[in-house]
Amino acid sequence: MSDTLRKKVLLLGSDSLGRGDETLGRMLMANFLRLLGEEGRRPDVICCVNYGVKLAVRGSACLGHLKHLATLGTKILLCRTCVEYFDLEDQVEAGEISNMPTIQGHMITGDVIPV
């Protein structure tokens, strides 16, 4: 597969963007995801692991942005182990709960952009 045709996989391992102030980081993440939904170029897949799964739950400032990206065709995958670890199964409102082999498959066959 040509590099120009490889899918883009965004790996979200946190509920905030950058290091330092957590409140600022959460604001930056919400802005980042909002702008992705307005941009013509979007990732094909967003994989949420660790604290990143918290972006897709009820009450998250990013929930609407993830839902919007999903309506535009971006696949949103949440790590099942992470969702269960944080006891969030009944709060997930965007994307689908997936497993590590599926997430790995997307990472291995795509261009991964860690955030």
PDB file of N, CA and C in Angstrom:
ATOM      1  N   MET A   1       0.847  -1.176   0.000  1.00  0.00           N
ATOM      2  CA  MET A   1       0.000   0.000   0.000  1.00  0.00           C
ATOM      3  C   MET A   1       0.890   1.236   0.000  1.00  0.00           C
ATOM      4  N   SER A   2       0.602   2.195  -0.827  1.00  0.00           N
ATOM      5  CA  SER A   2       1.362   3.434  -0.893  1.00  0.00           C
ATOM      6  C   SER A   2       1.161   4.233   0.381  1.00  0.00           C
ATOM      7  N   ASP A   3       2.204   4.953   0.814  1.00  0.00           N
ATOM      8  CA  ASP A   3       2.091   5.763   2.024  1.00  0.00           C
ATOM      9  C   ASP A   3       0.977   6.796   1.912  1.00  0.00           C
ATOM     10  N   THR A   4       0.722   7.304   0.708  1.00  0.00           N
ATOM     11  CA  THR A   4      -0.324   8.303   0.549  1.00  0.00           C
ATOM     12  C   THR A   4      -1.716   7.698   0.701  1.00  0.00           C
ATOM     13  N   LEU A   5      -1.829   6.374   0.586  1.00  0.00           N
ATOM     14  CA  LEU A   5      -3.122   5.707   0.702  1.00  0.00           C
ATOM     15  C   LEU A   5      -3.339   5.055   2.066  1.00  0.00           C
ATOM     16  N   ARG A   6      -2.299   5.065   2.902  1.00  0.00           N
ATOM     17  CA  ARG A   6      -2.449   4.450   4.219  1.00  0.00           C
ATOM     18  C   ARG A   6      -3.403   5.274   5.063  1.00  0.00           C
ATOM     19  N   LYS A   7      -4.218   4.582   5.846  1.00  0.00           N
ATOM     20  CA  LYS A   7      -5.160   5.293   6.696  1.00  0.00           C
ATOM     21  C   LYS A   7      -4.404   6.036   7.804  1.00  0.00           C
ATOM     22  N   LYS A   8      -4.994   7.104   8.252  1.00  0.00           N
ATOM     23  CA  LYS A   8      -4.446   7.901   9.351  1.00  0.00           C
ATOM     24  C   LYS A   8      -5.138   7.474  10.637  1.00  0.00           C
ATOM     25  N   VAL A   9      -4.335   7.115  11.636  1.00  0.00           N
ATOM     26  CA  VAL A   9      -4.850   6.626  12.909  1.00  0.00           C
ATOM     27  C   VAL A   9      -4.385   7.568  14.006  1.00  0.00           C
ATOM     28  N   LEU A  10      -5.330   8.216  14.657  1.00  0.00           N
ATOM     29  CA  LEU A  10      -5.031   9.115  15.762  1.00  0.00           C
ATOM     30  C   LEU A  10      -5.091   8.308  17.053  1.00  0.00           C
ATOM     31  N   LEU A  11      -4.022   8.330  17.824  1.00  0.00           N
ATOM     32  CA  LEU A  11      -3.957   7.588  19.081  1.00  0.00           C
ATOM     33  C   LEU A  11      -4.065   8.572  20.238  1.00  0.00           C
ATOM     34  N   LEU A  12      -5.190   8.508  20.959  1.00  0.00           N
ATOM     35  CA  LEU A  12      -5.430   9.393  22.099  1.00  0.00           C
ATOM     36  C   LEU A  12      -5.235   8.607  23.388  1.00  0.00           C
ATOM     37  N   GLY A  13      -4.168   8.900  24.099  1.00  0.00           N
ATOM     38  CA  GLY A  13      -3.853   8.191  25.327  1.00  0.00           C
ATOM     39  C   GLY A  13      -4.138   8.989  26.574  1.00  0.00           C
ATOM     40  N   SER A  14      -4.781  10.135  26.401  1.00  0.00           N
ATOM     41  CA  SER A  14      -5.059  11.013  27.537  1.00  0.00           C
ATOM     42  C   SER A  14      -6.335  11.792  27.250  1.00  0.00           C
ATOM     43  N   ASP A  15      -6.886  12.398  28.281  1.00  0.00           N
ATOM     44  CA  ASP A  15      -8.049  13.258  28.093  1.00  0.00           C
ATOM     45  C   ASP A  15      -7.627  14.719  27.969  1.00  0.00           C
ATOM     46  N   SER A  16      -6.307  14.950  27.902  1.00  0.00           N
ATOM     47  CA  SER A  16      -5.805  16.314  27.743  1.00  0.00           C
ATOM     48  C   SER A  16      -4.682  16.329  26.707  1.00  0.00           C
ATOM     49  N   LEU A  17      -4.389  17.497  26.204  1.00  0.00           N
ATOM     50  CA  LEU A  17      -3.371  17.665  25.179  1.00  0.00           C
ATOM     51  C   LEU A  17      -2.171  18.379  25.785  1.00  0.00           C
ATOM     52  N   GLY A  18      -1.009  17.806  25.618  1.00  0.00           N
ATOM     53  CA  GLY A  18       0.207  18.394  26.156  1.00  0.00           C
ATOM     54  C   GLY A  18       0.434  18.025  27.609  1.00  0.00           C
ATOM     55  N   ARG A  19       1.521  18.526  28.131  1.00  0.00           N
ATOM     56  CA  ARG A  19       1.875  18.260  29.530  1.00  0.00           C
ATOM     57  C   ARG A  19       1.838  19.561  30.306  1.00  0.00           C
ATOM     58  N   GLY A  20       1.548  19.438  31.566  1.00  0.00           N
ATOM     59  CA  GLY A  20       1.491  20.625  32.407  1.00  0.00           C
ATOM     60  C   GLY A  20       0.119  20.754  33.019  1.00  0.00           C
ATOM     61  N   ASP A  21      -0.467  21.912  32.892  1.00  0.00           N
ATOM     62  CA  ASP A  21      -1.762  22.205  33.507  1.00  0.00           C
ATOM     63  C   ASP A  21      -2.858  21.329  32.895  1.00  0.00           C
ATOM     64  N   GLU A  22      -3.513  20.531  33.726  1.00  0.00           N
ATOM     65  CA  GLU A  22      -4.551  19.595  33.259  1.00  0.00           C
ATOM     66  C   GLU A  22      -5.782  20.313  32.709  1.00  0.00           C
ATOM     67  N   THR A  23      -6.181  21.403  33.357  1.00  0.00           N
ATOM     68  CA  THR A  23      -7.354  22.139  32.891  1.00  0.00           C
ATOM     69  C   THR A  23      -7.099  22.707  31.502  1.00  0.00           C
ATOM     70  N   LEU A  24      -5.954  23.309  31.319  1.00  0.00           N
ATOM     71  CA  LEU A  24      -5.584  23.831  30.005  1.00  0.00           C
ATOM     72  C   LEU A  24      -5.495  22.695  28.993  1.00  0.00           C
ATOM     73  N   GLY A  25      -4.908  21.583  29.382  1.00  0.00           N
ATOM     74  CA  GLY A  25      -4.779  20.440  28.486  1.00  0.00           C
ATOM     75  C   GLY A  25      -6.119  19.911  28.011  1.00  0.00           C
ATOM     76  N   ARG A  26      -7.125  19.904  28.895  1.00  0.00           N
ATOM     77  CA  ARG A  26      -8.464  19.442  28.509  1.00  0.00           C
ATOM     78  C   ARG A  26      -9.114  20.438  27.545  1.00  0.00           C
ATOM     79  N   MET A  27      -8.880  21.725  27.789  1.00  0.00           N
ATOM     80  CA  MET A  27      -9.403  22.747  26.874  1.00  0.00           C
ATOM     81  C   MET A  27      -8.759  22.596  25.498  1.00  0.00           C
ATOM     82  N   LEU A  28      -7.463  22.357  25.480  1.00  0.00           N
ATOM     83  CA  LEU A  28      -6.752  22.186  24.211  1.00  0.00           C
ATOM     84  C   LEU A  28      -7.243  20.952  23.456  1.00  0.00           C
ATOM     85  N   MET A  29      -7.488  19.860  24.175  1.00  0.00           N
ATOM     86  CA  MET A  29      -7.979  18.639  23.530  1.00  0.00           C
ATOM     87  C   MET A  29      -9.348  18.882  22.910  1.00  0.00           C
ATOM     88  N   ALA A  30     -10.244  19.558  23.634  1.00  0.00           N
ATOM     89  CA  ALA A  30     -11.573  19.845  23.094  1.00  0.00           C
ATOM     90  C   ALA A  30     -11.458  20.698  21.835  1.00  0.00           C
ATOM     91  N   ASN A  31     -10.590  21.690  21.861  1.00  0.00           N
ATOM     92  CA  ASN A  31     -10.400  22.550  20.700  1.00  0.00           C
ATOM     93  C   ASN A  31      -9.808  21.765  19.529  1.00  0.00           C
ATOM     94  N   PHE A  32      -8.835  20.918  19.826  1.00  0.00           N
ATOM     95  CA  PHE A  32      -8.198  20.088  18.809  1.00  0.00           C
ATOM     96  C   PHE A  32      -9.232  19.204  18.104  1.00  0.00           C
ATOM     97  N   LEU A  33     -10.067  18.511  18.874  1.00  0.00           N
ATOM     98  CA  LEU A  33     -11.064  17.616  18.283  1.00  0.00           C
ATOM     99  C   LEU A  33     -12.145  18.397  17.547  1.00  0.00           C
ATOM    100  N   ARG A  34     -12.527  19.546  18.071  1.00  0.00           N
ATOM    101  CA  ARG A  34     -13.521  20.387  17.390  1.00  0.00           C
ATOM    102  C   ARG A  34     -12.997  20.805  16.017  1.00  0.00           C
ATOM    103  N   LEU A  35     -11.753  21.263  15.984  1.00  0.00           N
ATOM    104  CA  LEU A  35     -11.158  21.709  14.720  1.00  0.00           C
ATOM    105  C   LEU A  35     -10.978  20.563  13.726  1.00  0.00           C
ATOM    106  N   LEU A  36     -10.715  19.352  14.230  1.00  0.00           N
ATOM    107  CA  LEU A  36     -10.636  18.197  13.325  1.00  0.00           C
ATOM    108  C   LEU A  36     -11.940  18.002  12.572  1.00  0.00           C
ATOM    109  N   GLY A  37     -13.049  18.242  13.257  1.00  0.00           N
ATOM    110  CA  GLY A  37     -14.359  18.093  12.631  1.00  0.00           C
ATOM    111  C   GLY A  37     -14.656  19.165  11.600  1.00  0.00           C
ATOM    112  N   GLU A  38     -13.921  20.269  11.670  1.00  0.00           N
ATOM    113  CA  GLU A  38     -14.106  21.360  10.714  1.00  0.00           C
ATOM    114  C   GLU A  38     -13.114  21.276   9.561  1.00  0.00           C
ATOM    115  N   GLU A  39     -12.070  20.520   9.750  1.00  0.00           N
ATOM    116  CA  GLU A  39     -10.992  20.375   8.767  1.00  0.00           C
ATOM    117  C   GLU A  39     -11.419  19.394   7.670  1.00  0.00           C
ATOM    118  N   GLY A  40     -10.960  19.630   6.463  1.00  0.00           N
ATOM    119  CA  GLY A  40     -11.260  18.715   5.369  1.00  0.00           C
ATOM    120  C   GLY A  40     -10.544  17.384   5.504  1.00  0.00           C
ATOM    121  N   ARG A  41      -9.380  17.395   6.138  1.00  0.00           N
ATOM    122  CA  ARG A  41      -8.607  16.163   6.336  1.00  0.00           C
ATOM    123  C   ARG A  41      -8.816  15.690   7.770  1.00  0.00           C
ATOM    124  N   ARG A  42      -9.328  14.490   7.882  1.00  0.00           N
ATOM    125  CA  ARG A  42      -9.593  13.916   9.200  1.00  0.00           C
ATOM    126  C   ARG A  42      -8.949  12.542   9.288  1.00  0.00           C
ATOM    127  N   PRO A  43      -8.699  12.084  10.519  1.00  0.00           N
ATOM    128  CA  PRO A  43      -8.187  10.718  10.644  1.00  0.00           C
ATOM    129  C   PRO A  43      -9.269   9.719  10.253  1.00  0.00           C
ATOM    130  N   ASP A  44      -8.828   8.569   9.778  1.00  0.00           N
ATOM    131  CA  ASP A  44      -9.767   7.499   9.452  1.00  0.00           C
ATOM    132  C   ASP A  44     -10.262   6.808  10.717  1.00  0.00           C
ATOM    133  N   VAL A  45      -9.350   6.710  11.692  1.00  0.00           N
ATOM    134  CA  VAL A  45      -9.646   6.006  12.942  1.00  0.00           C
ATOM    135  C   VAL A  45      -9.074   6.812  14.105  1.00  0.00           C
ATOM    136  N   ILE A  46      -9.834   6.893  15.187  1.00  0.00           N
ATOM    137  CA  ILE A  46      -9.324   7.436  16.445  1.00  0.00           C
ATOM    138  C   ILE A  46      -9.375   6.303  17.452  1.00  0.00           C
ATOM    139  N   CYS A  47      -8.208   5.955  17.996  1.00  0.00           N
ATOM    140  CA  CYS A  47      -8.113   4.906  19.017  1.00  0.00           C
ATOM    141  C   CYS A  47      -7.888   5.580  20.370  1.00  0.00           C
ATOM    142  N   CYS A  48      -8.784   5.328  21.295  1.00  0.00           N
ATOM    143  CA  CYS A  48      -8.695   5.911  22.630  1.00  0.00           C
ATOM    144  C   CYS A  48      -8.256   4.841  23.619  1.00  0.00           C
ATOM    145  N   VAL A  49      -7.147   5.100  24.287  1.00  0.00           N
ATOM    146  CA  VAL A  49      -6.623   4.179  25.293  1.00  0.00           C
ATOM    147  C   VAL A  49      -6.348   4.954  26.576  1.00  0.00           C
ATOM    148  N   ASN A  50      -6.182   4.219  27.668  1.00  0.00           N
ATOM    149  CA  ASN A  50      -5.916   4.803  28.972  1.00  0.00           C
ATOM    150  C   ASN A  50      -6.928   5.918  29.246  1.00  0.00           C
ATOM    151  N   TYR A  51      -6.476   7.090  29.726  1.00  0.00           N
ATOM    152  CA  TYR A  51      -7.394   8.189  30.029  1.00  0.00           C
ATOM    153  C   TYR A  51      -8.123   8.699  28.795  1.00  0.00           C
ATOM    154  N   GLY A  52      -7.636   8.366  27.606  1.00  0.00           N
ATOM    155  CA  GLY A  52      -8.286   8.802  26.377  1.00  0.00           C
ATOM    156  C   GLY A  52      -9.721   8.314  26.253  1.00  0.00           C
ATOM    157  N   VAL A  53     -10.049   7.186  26.877  1.00  0.00           N
ATOM    158  CA  VAL A  53     -11.428   6.682  26.791  1.00  0.00           C
ATOM    159  C   VAL A  53     -12.409   7.632  27.487  1.00  0.00           C
ATOM    160  N   LYS A  54     -11.911   8.445  28.402  1.00  0.00           N
ATOM    161  CA  LYS A  54     -12.780   9.380  29.127  1.00  0.00           C
ATOM    162  C   LYS A  54     -13.316  10.485  28.228  1.00  0.00           C
ATOM    163  N   LEU A  55     -12.730  10.644  27.042  1.00  0.00           N
ATOM    164  CA  LEU A  55     -13.205  11.648  26.090  1.00  0.00           C
ATOM    165  C   LEU A  55     -14.566  11.282  25.513  1.00  0.00           C
ATOM    166  N   ALA A  56     -14.904   9.996  25.517  1.00  0.00           N
ATOM    167  CA  ALA A  56     -16.109   9.506  24.838  1.00  0.00           C
ATOM    168  C   ALA A  56     -17.255   9.190  25.785  1.00  0.00           C
ATOM    169  N   VAL A  57     -17.175   9.681  27.006  1.00  0.00           N
ATOM    170  CA  VAL A  57     -18.219   9.358  27.990  1.00  0.00           C
ATOM    171  C   VAL A  57     -19.106  10.560  28.291  1.00  0.00           C
ATOM    172  N   ARG A  58     -20.260  10.260  28.830  1.00  0.00           N
ATOM    173  CA  ARG A  58     -21.227  11.269  29.242  1.00  0.00           C
ATOM    174  C   ARG A  58     -20.534  12.340  30.100  1.00  0.00           C
ATOM    175  N   GLY A  59     -20.769  13.594  29.761  1.00  0.00           N
ATOM    176  CA  GLY A  59     -20.209  14.700  30.530  1.00  0.00           C
ATOM    177  C   GLY A  59     -18.875  15.214  30.018  1.00  0.00           C
ATOM    178  N   SER A  60     -18.260  14.517  29.087  1.00  0.00           N
ATOM    179  CA  SER A  60     -16.978  14.953  28.541  1.00  0.00           C
ATOM    180  C   SER A  60     -17.182  16.179  27.644  1.00  0.00           C
ATOM    181  N   ALA A  61     -16.289  17.153  27.759  1.00  0.00           N
ATOM    182  CA  ALA A  61     -16.335  18.333  26.894  1.00  0.00           C
ATOM    183  C   ALA A  61     -16.053  17.973  25.445  1.00  0.00           C
ATOM    184  N   CYS A  62     -15.505  16.787  25.211  1.00  0.00           N
ATOM    185  CA  CYS A  62     -15.141  16.347  23.857  1.00  0.00           C
ATOM    186  C   CYS A  62     -16.180  15.430  23.234  1.00  0.00           C
ATOM    187  N   LEU A  63     -17.181  15.045  23.978  1.00  0.00           N
ATOM    188  CA  LEU A  63     -18.147  14.061  23.508  1.00  0.00           C
ATOM    189  C   LEU A  63     -18.810  14.481  22.189  1.00  0.00           C
ATOM    190  N   GLY A  64     -19.296  15.697  22.120  1.00  0.00           N
ATOM    191  CA  GLY A  64     -19.947  16.173  20.904  1.00  0.00           C
ATOM    192  C   GLY A  64     -19.010  16.197  19.709  1.00  0.00           C
ATOM    193  N   HIS A  65     -17.752  16.534  19.957  1.00  0.00           N
ATOM    194  CA  HIS A  65     -16.773  16.577  18.865  1.00  0.00           C
ATOM    195  C   HIS A  65     -16.500  15.173  18.321  1.00  0.00           C
ATOM    196  N   LEU A  66     -16.402  14.188  19.222  1.00  0.00           N
ATOM    197  CA  LEU A  66     -16.190  12.802  18.774  1.00  0.00           C
ATOM    198  C   LEU A  66     -17.407  12.283  18.016  1.00  0.00           C
ATOM    199  N   LYS A  67     -18.592  12.604  18.498  1.00  0.00           N
ATOM    200  CA  LYS A  67     -19.809  12.182  17.804  1.00  0.00           C
ATOM    201  C   LYS A  67     -19.860  12.790  16.400  1.00  0.00           C
ATOM    202  N   HIS A  68     -19.482  14.051  16.304  1.00  0.00           N
ATOM    203  CA  HIS A  68     -19.476  14.723  15.007  1.00  0.00           C
ATOM    204  C   HIS A  68     -18.478  14.057  14.062  1.00  0.00           C
ATOM    205  N   LEU A  69     -17.287  13.782  14.557  1.00  0.00           N
ATOM    206  CA  LEU A  69     -16.274  13.100  13.729  1.00  0.00           C
ATOM    207  C   LEU A  69     -16.791  11.747  13.261  1.00  0.00           C
ATOM    208  N   ALA A  70     -17.511  11.036  14.124  1.00  0.00           N
ATOM    209  CA  ALA A  70     -18.071   9.735  13.739  1.00  0.00           C
ATOM    210  C   ALA A  70     -19.091   9.894  12.610  1.00  0.00           C
ATOM    211  N   THR A  71     -19.897  10.949  12.666  1.00  0.00           N
ATOM    212  CA  THR A  71     -20.883  11.158  11.595  1.00  0.00           C
ATOM    213  C   THR A  71     -20.197  11.500  10.271  1.00  0.00           C
ATOM    214  N   LEU A  72     -18.975  12.011  10.350  1.00  0.00           N
ATOM    215  CA  LEU A  72     -18.209  12.346   9.145  1.00  0.00           C
ATOM    216  C   LEU A  72     -17.430  11.150   8.601  1.00  0.00           C
ATOM    217  N   GLY A  73     -17.513  10.018   9.306  1.00  0.00           N
ATOM    218  CA  GLY A  73     -16.876   8.800   8.816  1.00  0.00           C
ATOM    219  C   GLY A  73     -15.647   8.339   9.570  1.00  0.00           C
ATOM    220  N   THR A  74     -15.240   9.068  10.600  1.00  0.00           N
ATOM    221  CA  THR A  74     -14.101   8.625  11.399  1.00  0.00           C
ATOM    222  C   THR A  74     -14.561   7.538  12.362  1.00  0.00           C
ATOM    223  N   LYS A  75     -13.855   6.421  12.366  1.00  0.00           N
ATOM    224  CA  LYS A  75     -14.167   5.314  13.280  1.00  0.00           C
ATOM    225  C   LYS A  75     -13.541   5.649  14.634  1.00  0.00           C
ATOM    226  N   ILE A  76     -14.336   5.565  15.706  1.00  0.00           N
ATOM    227  CA  ILE A  76     -13.864   5.845  17.059  1.00  0.00           C
ATOM    228  C   ILE A  76     -13.838   4.522  17.820  1.00  0.00           C
ATOM    229  N   LEU A  77     -12.654   4.103  18.267  1.00  0.00           N
ATOM    230  CA  LEU A  77     -12.497   2.845  18.993  1.00  0.00           C
ATOM    231  C   LEU A  77     -11.999   3.111  20.411  1.00  0.00           C
ATOM    232  N   LEU A  78     -12.631   2.474  21.371  1.00  0.00           N
ATOM    233  CA  LEU A  78     -12.248   2.614  22.774  1.00  0.00           C
ATOM    234  C   LEU A  78     -11.705   1.292  23.288  1.00  0.00           C
ATOM    235  N   CYS A  79     -10.590   1.346  23.965  1.00  0.00           N
ATOM    236  CA  CYS A  79      -9.974   0.151  24.544  1.00  0.00           C
ATOM    237  C   CYS A  79     -10.880  -0.432  25.627  1.00  0.00           C
ATOM    238  N   ARG A  80     -11.314  -1.670  25.419  1.00  0.00           N
ATOM    239  CA  ARG A  80     -12.209  -2.330  26.376  1.00  0.00           C
ATOM    240  C   ARG A  80     -11.576  -2.429  27.768  1.00  0.00           C
ATOM    241  N   THR A  81     -10.318  -2.817  27.836  1.00  0.00           N
ATOM    242  CA  THR A  81      -9.636  -2.950  29.129  1.00  0.00           C
ATOM    243  C   THR A  81      -9.658  -1.625  29.876  1.00  0.00           C
ATOM    244  N   CYS A  82      -9.426  -0.533  29.163  1.00  0.00           N
ATOM    245  CA  CYS A  82      -9.402   0.793  29.782  1.00  0.00           C
ATOM    246  C   CYS A  82     -10.794   1.210  30.256  1.00  0.00           C
ATOM    247  N   VAL A  83     -11.799   0.992  29.413  1.00  0.00           N
ATOM    248  CA  VAL A  83     -13.178   1.323  29.780  1.00  0.00           C
ATOM    249  C   VAL A  83     -13.581   0.556  31.036  1.00  0.00           C
ATOM    250  N   GLU A  84     -13.256  -0.728  31.080  1.00  0.00           N
ATOM    251  CA  GLU A  84     -13.588  -1.539  32.250  1.00  0.00           C
ATOM    252  C   GLU A  84     -12.777  -1.119  33.472  1.00  0.00           C
ATOM    253  N   TYR A  85     -11.511  -0.805  33.281  1.00  0.00           N
ATOM    254  CA  TYR A  85     -10.645  -0.398  34.393  1.00  0.00           C
ATOM    255  C   TYR A  85     -11.211   0.847  35.090  1.00  0.00           C
ATOM    256  N   PHE A  86     -11.700   1.808  34.294  1.00  0.00           N
ATOM    257  CA  PHE A  86     -12.266   3.033  34.861  1.00  0.00           C
ATOM    258  C   PHE A  86     -13.760   2.907  35.159  1.00  0.00           C
ATOM    259  N   ASP A  87     -14.319   1.694  34.961  1.00  0.00           N
ATOM    260  CA  ASP A  87     -15.731   1.419  35.243  1.00  0.00           C
ATOM    261  C   ASP A  87     -16.654   2.396  34.498  1.00  0.00           C
ATOM    262  N   LEU A  88     -16.439   2.512  33.202  1.00  0.00           N
ATOM    263  CA  LEU A  88     -17.177   3.475  32.379  1.00  0.00           C
ATOM    264  C   LEU A  88     -18.138   2.827  31.382  1.00  0.00           C
ATOM    265  N   GLU A  89     -18.332   1.515  31.473  1.00  0.00           N
ATOM    266  CA  GLU A  89     -19.136   0.806  30.471  1.00  0.00           C
ATOM    267  C   GLU A  89     -20.499   1.453  30.231  1.00  0.00           C
ATOM    268  N   ASP A  90     -21.164   1.891  31.286  1.00  0.00           N
ATOM    269  CA  ASP A  90     -22.512   2.447  31.145  1.00  0.00           C
ATOM    270  C   ASP A  90     -22.507   3.942  30.827  1.00  0.00           C
ATOM    271  N   GLN A  91     -21.315   4.542  30.657  1.00  0.00           N
ATOM    272  CA  GLN A  91     -21.234   5.973  30.378  1.00  0.00           C
ATOM    273  C   GLN A  91     -20.739   6.300  28.970  1.00  0.00           C
ATOM    274  N   VAL A  92     -20.323   5.281  28.225  1.00  0.00           N
ATOM    275  CA  VAL A  92     -19.803   5.503  26.865  1.00  0.00           C
ATOM    276  C   VAL A  92     -20.946   5.964  25.960  1.00  0.00           C
ATOM    277  N   GLU A  93     -20.733   7.101  25.280  1.00  0.00           N
ATOM    278  CA  GLU A  93     -21.760   7.643  24.395  1.00  0.00           C
ATOM    279  C   GLU A  93     -21.246   7.946  22.991  1.00  0.00           C
ATOM    280  N   ALA A  94     -19.969   7.703  22.753  1.00  0.00           N
ATOM    281  CA  ALA A  94     -19.418   7.904  21.402  1.00  0.00           C
ATOM    282  C   ALA A  94     -18.483   6.752  21.081  1.00  0.00           C
ATOM    283  N   GLY A  95     -18.461   6.367  19.839  1.00  0.00           N
ATOM    284  CA  GLY A  95     -17.560   5.305  19.418  1.00  0.00           C
ATOM    285  C   GLY A  95     -18.046   3.933  19.830  1.00  0.00           C
ATOM    286  N   GLU A  96     -17.133   2.985  19.704  1.00  0.00           N
ATOM    287  CA  GLU A  96     -17.454   1.611  20.076  1.00  0.00           C
ATOM    288  C   GLU A  96     -16.348   1.039  20.946  1.00  0.00           C
ATOM    289  N   ILE A  97     -16.749   0.234  21.890  1.00  0.00           N
ATOM    290  CA  ILE A  97     -15.778  -0.441  22.742  1.00  0.00           C
ATOM    291  C   ILE A  97     -15.166  -1.562  21.908  1.00  0.00           C
ATOM    292  N   SER A  98     -13.847  -1.567  21.852  1.00  0.00           N
ATOM    293  CA  SER A  98     -13.132  -2.505  20.998  1.00  0.00           C
ATOM    294  C   SER A  98     -12.102  -3.270  21.823  1.00  0.00           C
ATOM    295  N   ASN A  99     -11.230  -3.993  21.144  1.00  0.00           N
ATOM    296  CA  ASN A  99     -10.214  -4.773  21.854  1.00  0.00           C
ATOM    297  C   ASN A  99      -8.823  -4.429  21.323  1.00  0.00           C
ATOM    298  N   MET A 100      -7.822  -4.856  22.038  1.00  0.00           N
ATOM    299  CA  MET A 100      -6.454  -4.514  21.668  1.00  0.00           C
ATOM    300  C   MET A 100      -6.042  -5.079  20.307  1.00  0.00           C
ATOM    301  N   PRO A 101      -6.405  -6.326  19.959  1.00  0.00           N
ATOM    302  CA  PRO A 101      -6.024  -6.802  18.623  1.00  0.00           C
ATOM    303  C   PRO A 101      -6.573  -5.916  17.499  1.00  0.00           C
ATOM    304  N   THR A 102      -7.789  -5.428  17.625  1.00  0.00           N
ATOM    305  CA  THR A 102      -8.361  -4.551  16.608  1.00  0.00           C
ATOM    306  C   THR A 102      -7.619  -3.222  16.569  1.00  0.00           C
ATOM    307  N   ILE A 103      -7.365  -2.649  17.746  1.00  0.00           N
ATOM    308  CA  ILE A 103      -6.633  -1.384  17.819  1.00  0.00           C
ATOM    309  C   ILE A 103      -5.226  -1.559  17.249  1.00  0.00           C
ATOM    310  N   GLN A 104      -4.565  -2.634  17.624  1.00  0.00           N
ATOM    311  CA  GLN A 104      -3.232  -2.915  17.080  1.00  0.00           C
ATOM    312  C   GLN A 104      -3.266  -3.042  15.566  1.00  0.00           C
ATOM    313  N   GLY A 105      -4.282  -3.710  15.054  1.00  0.00           N
ATOM    314  CA  GLY A 105      -4.400  -3.894  13.617  1.00  0.00           C
ATOM    315  C   GLY A 105      -4.447  -2.559  12.884  1.00  0.00           C
ATOM    316  N   HIS A 106      -5.215  -1.621  13.411  1.00  0.00           N
ATOM    317  CA  HIS A 106      -5.284  -0.298  12.793  1.00  0.00           C
ATOM    318  C   HIS A 106      -3.938   0.424  12.905  1.00  0.00           C
ATOM    319  N   MET A 107      -3.278   0.257  14.031  1.00  0.00           N
ATOM    320  CA  MET A 107      -1.996   0.929  14.230  1.00  0.00           C
ATOM    321  C   MET A 107      -0.913   0.355  13.319  1.00  0.00           C
ATOM    322  N   ILE A 108      -0.920  -0.944  13.136  1.00  0.00           N
ATOM    323  CA  ILE A 108       0.103  -1.581  12.318  1.00  0.00           C
ATOM    324  C   ILE A 108      -0.093  -1.287  10.832  1.00  0.00           C
ATOM    325  N   THR A 109      -1.338  -1.187  10.391  1.00  0.00           N
ATOM    326  CA  THR A 109      -1.592  -0.987   8.967  1.00  0.00           C
ATOM    327  C   THR A 109      -1.801   0.472   8.591  1.00  0.00           C
ATOM    328  N   GLY A 110      -1.743   1.379   9.568  1.00  0.00           N
ATOM    329  CA  GLY A 110      -1.958   2.799   9.277  1.00  0.00           C
ATOM    330  C   GLY A 110      -0.789   3.656   9.742  1.00  0.00           C
ATOM    331  N   ASP A 111      -0.888   4.928   9.427  1.00  0.00           N
ATOM    332  CA  ASP A 111       0.075   5.908   9.915  1.00  0.00           C
ATOM    333  C   ASP A 111      -0.455   6.445  11.239  1.00  0.00           C
ATOM    334  N   VAL A 112       0.250   6.152  12.316  1.00  0.00           N
ATOM    335  CA  VAL A 112      -0.206   6.501  13.663  1.00  0.00           C
ATOM    336  C   VAL A 112       0.266   7.907  14.028  1.00  0.00           C
ATOM    337  N   ILE A 113      -0.669   8.695  14.523  1.00  0.00           N
ATOM    338  CA  ILE A 113      -0.383  10.040  15.011  1.00  0.00           C
ATOM    339  C   ILE A 113      -0.703  10.058  16.495  1.00  0.00           C
ATOM    340  N   PRO A 114       0.312   9.959  17.354  1.00  0.00           N
ATOM    341  CA  PRO A 114       0.046   9.973  18.798  1.00  0.00           C
ATOM    342  C   PRO A 114      -0.241  11.391  19.283  1.00  0.00           C
ATOM    343  N   VAL A 115      -1.249  11.525  20.121  1.00  0.00           N
ATOM    344  CA  VAL A 115      -1.594  12.837  20.675  1.00  0.00           C
ATOM    345  C   VAL A 115      -1.526  12.749  22.183  1.00  0.00           C
TER     346      VAL A 115
END
